Structures are given as C-alpha cells and as structure tokens.
C-alpha cells in the first residue's frame, strides 16, 4: 500500500522558523528537516504532535528526539556531500533520513530488531536508497561484513548516551580529521559533546549543550 502523507506545509514552516529563532542557521540542515515527513516516524496516537519541537515516544521504550536536538547534532557534524557516516541508534529512522539527505551514505546500527524493520520500511516508502542499516551492538562499531570493512568513517553520530566517554571502538573507526557527536554523562548530567580526531591518540573536544538521552547499552536485543 502506498504511503499517504498529509499536507503539513504550515506546520513544517512553523517548525523551521522556530528552529531558526533557536539558533539553527545551517540552511542545508533546515531544508532536510523541512523535506522529511516527521509524522510518518511517530506512532499514530501522537502524530498530531509530529511537527512540534518535542521528543515523542516510539516503540521498544525509545523516543524520537526533539527536532532542535536533531538539527543541532546534524549541524555539529558539518556534513559534506561525499561523507560516509556511521550512526549508532537507528531508532525510528528519522535522524537517519535527515543524515541521508546531506551525505553520500549512512551506515546505521540499531539493537532493537522491531525498530530496525519499521525504519527500513519507512526508508523504502520514502525512496531513500543511501542507507545501510543492521541490527548489532553499536558500541562495537560497524562490523566486517563479507570480508569488507567500511571504517574509517568521516563522521559518527551516536543517539544514546555514553556514561563517561565514547566507546573506544567508535573512536577507532573515526578517520583522522573526522568528527563524532555523542551525548556523554549519567542521567540528569548529560552533555552533547563533539570529538574531532586530530591524530590516532589526540581529540579536540567541545561541549555543545546539555541533553537528555537514553543510555548507550551493549549487546543486541532480541525480538521482532
């Protein structure tokens, strides 16, 4: 059955104007967020709130991030058209779809199989073809598949909070000169942090803003 997307033009414009007022100035990021229909990524019960600047519940006890956070994290990556991006935490696929508008390819890892299946269905409906998504332990980075290594990545985005610092496997998979955006800290004390890899051992670290994310957890969930 074809996906029916209602006319949400006025709501989209209102959100984009709000994000501008909140300091989001990257026009490419704003254009991507205006293009991708957020309402198809949320449960029907909260679809009327899809274009509000709030986080919303999705399946498996997870959330779809507030649009301001999505825009902030995406803009902080300074994405280029030829970038290869690793995303940890596909979730409903909304952030993934935004990234896919701005780079060459997104490699996304989700630990909940039901979420991954639903996200992949949305990518197909929207005809987004530059996303590769798998169910795996994101803390281990992108695995070698059929003898092929995709690392290193130009950019890495993590949509769950590391307790003290990013997993070493993810730091290792970031190319020199590349950037990672990740929430770090215990619940209630998390900060969104950007790591720029200056050498194999050295990183330039910048705190972006306080945030609230679900914790980054090891292992792969079952089900679905």
Protein backbone atom coordinates (compact mmCIF):
# COMPACT_ATOMS: atom_id res chain seq x y z
CA UNK A 1 0.00 0.00 0.00
CA UNK A 2 1.36 3.42 -0.94
CA UNK A 3 2.28 5.79 1.87
CA UNK A 4 -0.18 8.66 2.27
CA UNK A 5 1.49 11.80 3.57
CA UNK A 6 -0.94 14.53 4.68
CA UNK A 7 -0.36 18.19 3.86
CA UNK A 8 1.65 19.54 6.77
CA UNK A 9 3.13 22.55 4.99
CA UNK A 10 2.07 25.14 7.55
CA UNK A 11 3.34 23.03 10.47
CA UNK A 12 6.66 22.42 8.72
CA UNK A 13 7.18 26.11 8.04
CA UNK A 14 6.33 26.98 11.64
CA UNK A 15 8.87 24.46 12.96
CA UNK A 16 11.61 25.66 10.60
CA UNK A 17 11.02 29.28 11.65
CA UNK A 18 11.17 28.18 15.29
CA UNK A 19 14.47 26.36 14.74
CA UNK A 20 15.92 29.47 13.10
CA UNK A 21 14.94 31.53 16.13
CA UNK A 22 16.60 28.93 18.37
CA UNK A 23 19.89 29.44 16.54
CA UNK A 24 19.91 26.76 13.83
CA UNK A 25 21.43 28.57 10.86
CA UNK A 26 22.62 25.70 8.63
CA UNK A 27 20.33 26.06 5.61
CA UNK A 28 21.06 22.56 4.30
CA UNK A 29 20.06 21.02 7.64
CA UNK A 30 16.88 23.11 7.78
CA UNK A 31 16.00 22.13 4.21
CA UNK A 32 16.46 18.43 5.02
CA UNK A 33 14.25 18.73 8.09
CA UNK A 34 11.56 20.52 6.13
CA UNK A 35 11.65 17.81 3.44
CA UNK A 36 11.49 14.67 5.61
CA UNK A 37 7.91 13.98 6.87
CA UNK A 38 8.40 13.53 10.63
CA UNK A 39 4.79 12.39 11.07
CA UNK A 40 5.46 9.01 9.46
CA UNK A 41 8.17 8.25 12.01
CA UNK A 42 5.94 8.55 15.09
CA UNK A 43 3.03 6.41 16.38
CA UNK A 44 -0.40 7.39 15.13
CA UNK A 45 -1.52 8.37 18.63
CA UNK A 46 0.97 11.26 18.75
CA UNK A 47 1.06 12.10 15.05
CA UNK A 48 -0.72 15.40 15.63
CA UNK A 49 2.39 16.48 17.60
CA UNK A 50 4.90 15.37 14.98
CA UNK A 51 5.87 18.90 13.95
CA UNK A 52 6.08 20.27 17.49
CA UNK A 53 9.57 20.81 18.86
CA UNK A 54 9.35 17.98 21.38
CA UNK A 55 10.61 14.41 21.82
CA UNK A 56 7.94 11.74 21.38
CA UNK A 57 7.66 8.09 22.45
CA UNK A 58 8.18 5.32 19.91
CA UNK A 59 8.27 1.52 20.27
CA UNK A 60 10.62 -0.50 22.50
CA UNK A 61 10.67 2.17 25.20
CA UNK A 62 12.64 4.55 22.97
CA UNK A 63 11.98 8.11 21.78
CA UNK A 64 12.27 10.19 18.64
CA UNK A 65 14.46 13.15 19.52
CA UNK A 66 13.25 16.73 19.69
CA UNK A 67 13.73 18.42 16.28
CA UNK A 68 16.01 21.06 17.82
CA UNK A 69 18.33 18.28 19.06
CA UNK A 70 18.25 16.53 15.68
CA UNK A 71 19.12 19.81 13.95
CA UNK A 72 21.85 20.65 16.48
CA UNK A 73 23.52 17.23 16.24
CA UNK A 74 23.32 17.21 12.44
CA UNK A 75 24.70 20.74 12.08
CA UNK A 76 27.55 19.96 14.52
CA UNK A 77 28.80 17.24 12.17
CA UNK A 78 29.41 19.78 9.37
CA UNK A 79 28.39 17.17 6.80
CA UNK A 80 29.82 17.17 3.29
CA UNK A 81 28.17 15.63 0.24
CA UNK A 82 30.81 12.89 -0.05
CA UNK A 83 30.89 11.94 3.66
CA UNK A 84 30.42 8.37 4.84
CA UNK A 85 28.55 8.50 8.16
CA UNK A 86 28.13 5.93 10.93
CA UNK A 87 25.00 6.30 13.07
CA UNK A 88 24.62 4.42 16.35
CA UNK A 89 20.92 4.08 17.19
CA UNK A 90 18.66 3.98 14.13
CA UNK A 91 15.53 4.18 16.28
CA UNK A 92 12.52 5.08 14.17
CA UNK A 93 14.84 6.23 11.37
CA UNK A 94 14.09 9.96 11.46
CA UNK A 95 17.61 11.15 12.23
CA UNK A 96 18.92 8.60 9.71
CA UNK A 97 16.70 10.02 6.98
CA UNK A 98 17.88 13.56 7.72
CA UNK A 99 21.52 12.48 7.51
CA UNK A 100 20.88 10.70 4.23
CA UNK A 101 19.87 13.99 2.60
CA UNK A 102 23.24 15.53 3.41
CA UNK A 103 25.92 12.88 2.82
CA UNK A 104 26.93 10.09 0.44
CA UNK A 105 25.97 7.12 2.61
CA UNK A 106 24.74 6.36 6.12
CA UNK A 107 25.63 3.15 7.92
CA UNK A 108 23.23 2.78 10.84
CA UNK A 109 23.15 0.28 13.72
CA UNK A 110 20.07 -0.50 15.82
CA UNK A 111 19.91 -3.00 18.69
CA UNK A 112 16.10 -3.47 18.58
CA UNK A 113 15.02 -5.59 15.60
CA UNK A 114 11.39 -4.34 15.54
CA UNK A 115 12.57 -0.73 15.33
CA UNK A 116 15.03 -1.57 12.58
CA UNK A 117 12.39 -3.34 10.47
CA UNK A 118 9.98 -0.41 10.76
CA UNK A 119 12.70 2.11 9.96
CA UNK A 120 13.78 0.20 6.86
CA UNK A 121 10.17 0.11 5.65
CA UNK A 122 9.99 3.90 6.00
CA UNK A 123 13.21 4.34 4.02
CA UNK A 124 11.75 2.24 1.22
CA UNK A 125 8.48 4.20 1.21
CA UNK A 126 10.42 7.47 1.00
CA UNK A 127 12.73 6.00 -1.67
CA UNK A 128 15.86 6.76 0.35
CA UNK A 129 18.49 4.44 -1.08
CA UNK A 130 21.78 5.56 0.51
CA UNK A 131 21.18 3.97 3.95
CA UNK A 132 22.55 0.60 5.07
CA UNK A 133 21.09 -0.48 8.43
CA UNK A 134 21.78 -3.56 10.53
CA UNK A 135 20.84 -4.99 13.92
CA UNK A 136 24.00 -5.22 16.03
CA UNK A 137 25.83 -3.91 19.08
CA UNK A 138 26.58 -0.29 18.22
CA UNK A 139 29.19 0.01 20.95
CA UNK A 140 31.42 -2.29 18.87
CA UNK A 141 31.18 -0.10 15.78
CA UNK A 142 30.43 -1.27 12.25
CA UNK A 143 31.34 -4.94 11.83
CA UNK A 144 33.28 -6.51 8.99
CA UNK A 145 30.62 -7.92 6.63
CA UNK A 146 31.54 -10.49 3.95
CA UNK A 147 35.18 -9.51 4.43
CA UNK A 148 34.50 -5.81 3.78
CA UNK A 149 35.40 -3.07 6.26
CA UNK A 150 33.56 0.25 5.90
CA UNK A 151 35.61 2.04 8.55
CA UNK A 152 37.04 4.58 8.89
CA UNK A 153 34.08 6.95 8.77
CA UNK A 154 34.15 10.67 8.04
CA UNK A 155 31.54 11.37 10.70
CA UNK A 156 29.91 9.39 13.54
CA UNK A 157 26.69 10.27 15.36
CA UNK A 158 25.52 8.47 18.48
CA UNK A 159 21.91 8.91 19.61
CA UNK A 160 22.30 7.35 23.07
CA UNK A 161 24.43 8.50 25.98
CA UNK A 162 27.83 7.06 26.87
CA UNK A 163 28.46 7.02 30.61
CA UNK A 164 31.92 8.63 30.72
CA UNK A 165 33.40 8.70 27.22
CA UNK A 166 32.69 7.33 23.73
CA UNK A 167 33.32 3.60 23.23
CA UNK A 168 36.89 3.03 22.07
CA UNK A 169 35.67 1.03 19.07
CA UNK A 170 33.86 4.10 17.77
CA UNK A 171 36.84 6.38 18.31
CA UNK A 172 38.95 3.85 16.41
CA UNK A 173 36.51 3.84 13.47
CA UNK A 174 36.62 7.63 13.08
CA UNK A 175 39.04 8.83 10.41
CA UNK A 176 41.72 11.38 11.27
CA UNK A 177 40.12 14.78 10.69
CA UNK A 178 36.67 13.30 11.22
CA UNK A 179 34.10 14.25 13.86
CA UNK A 180 31.85 12.41 16.27
CA UNK A 181 28.83 13.88 18.07
CA UNK A 182 27.69 11.95 21.16
CA UNK A 183 25.86 12.56 24.45
CA UNK A 184 28.08 11.79 27.44
CA UNK A 185 27.30 11.52 31.15
CA UNK A 186 24.98 9.98 33.70
CA UNK A 187 21.24 10.55 33.52
CA UNK A 188 20.49 14.13 34.53
CA UNK A 189 24.03 15.29 33.84
CA UNK A 190 24.44 14.56 30.14
CA UNK A 191 26.15 16.92 27.74
CA UNK A 192 26.24 16.72 23.95
CA UNK A 193 29.92 16.56 23.05
CA UNK A 194 31.81 16.82 19.76
CA UNK A 195 35.08 14.96 19.26
CA UNK A 196 37.37 15.90 16.38
CA UNK A 197 40.06 13.31 15.71
CA UNK A 198 43.37 15.13 15.25
CA UNK A 199 45.57 12.02 15.36
CA UNK A 200 45.26 8.38 16.40
CA UNK A 201 45.69 9.44 20.02
CA UNK A 202 44.50 13.07 20.17
CA UNK A 203 40.99 14.52 20.05
CA UNK A 204 39.74 18.10 20.24
CA UNK A 205 36.65 18.01 22.43
CA UNK A 206 33.87 20.61 22.58
CA UNK A 207 30.76 20.64 24.76
CA UNK A 208 27.70 21.67 22.70
CA UNK A 209 24.74 21.75 25.11
CA UNK A 210 23.04 19.85 27.95
CA UNK A 211 20.84 16.98 26.72
CA UNK A 212 18.81 14.01 27.87
CA UNK A 213 19.16 10.67 26.07
CA UNK A 214 18.55 7.01 26.81
CA UNK A 215 21.78 5.21 27.82
CA UNK A 216 24.07 3.54 25.32
CA UNK A 217 23.85 -0.18 26.05
CA UNK A 218 25.87 -3.17 24.82
CA UNK A 219 24.63 -6.31 23.12
CA UNK A 220 21.81 -6.87 20.69
CA UNK A 221 18.21 -7.01 21.77
CA UNK A 222 16.13 -9.96 20.68
CA UNK A 223 12.60 -9.96 19.36
CA UNK A 224 10.87 -8.99 16.20
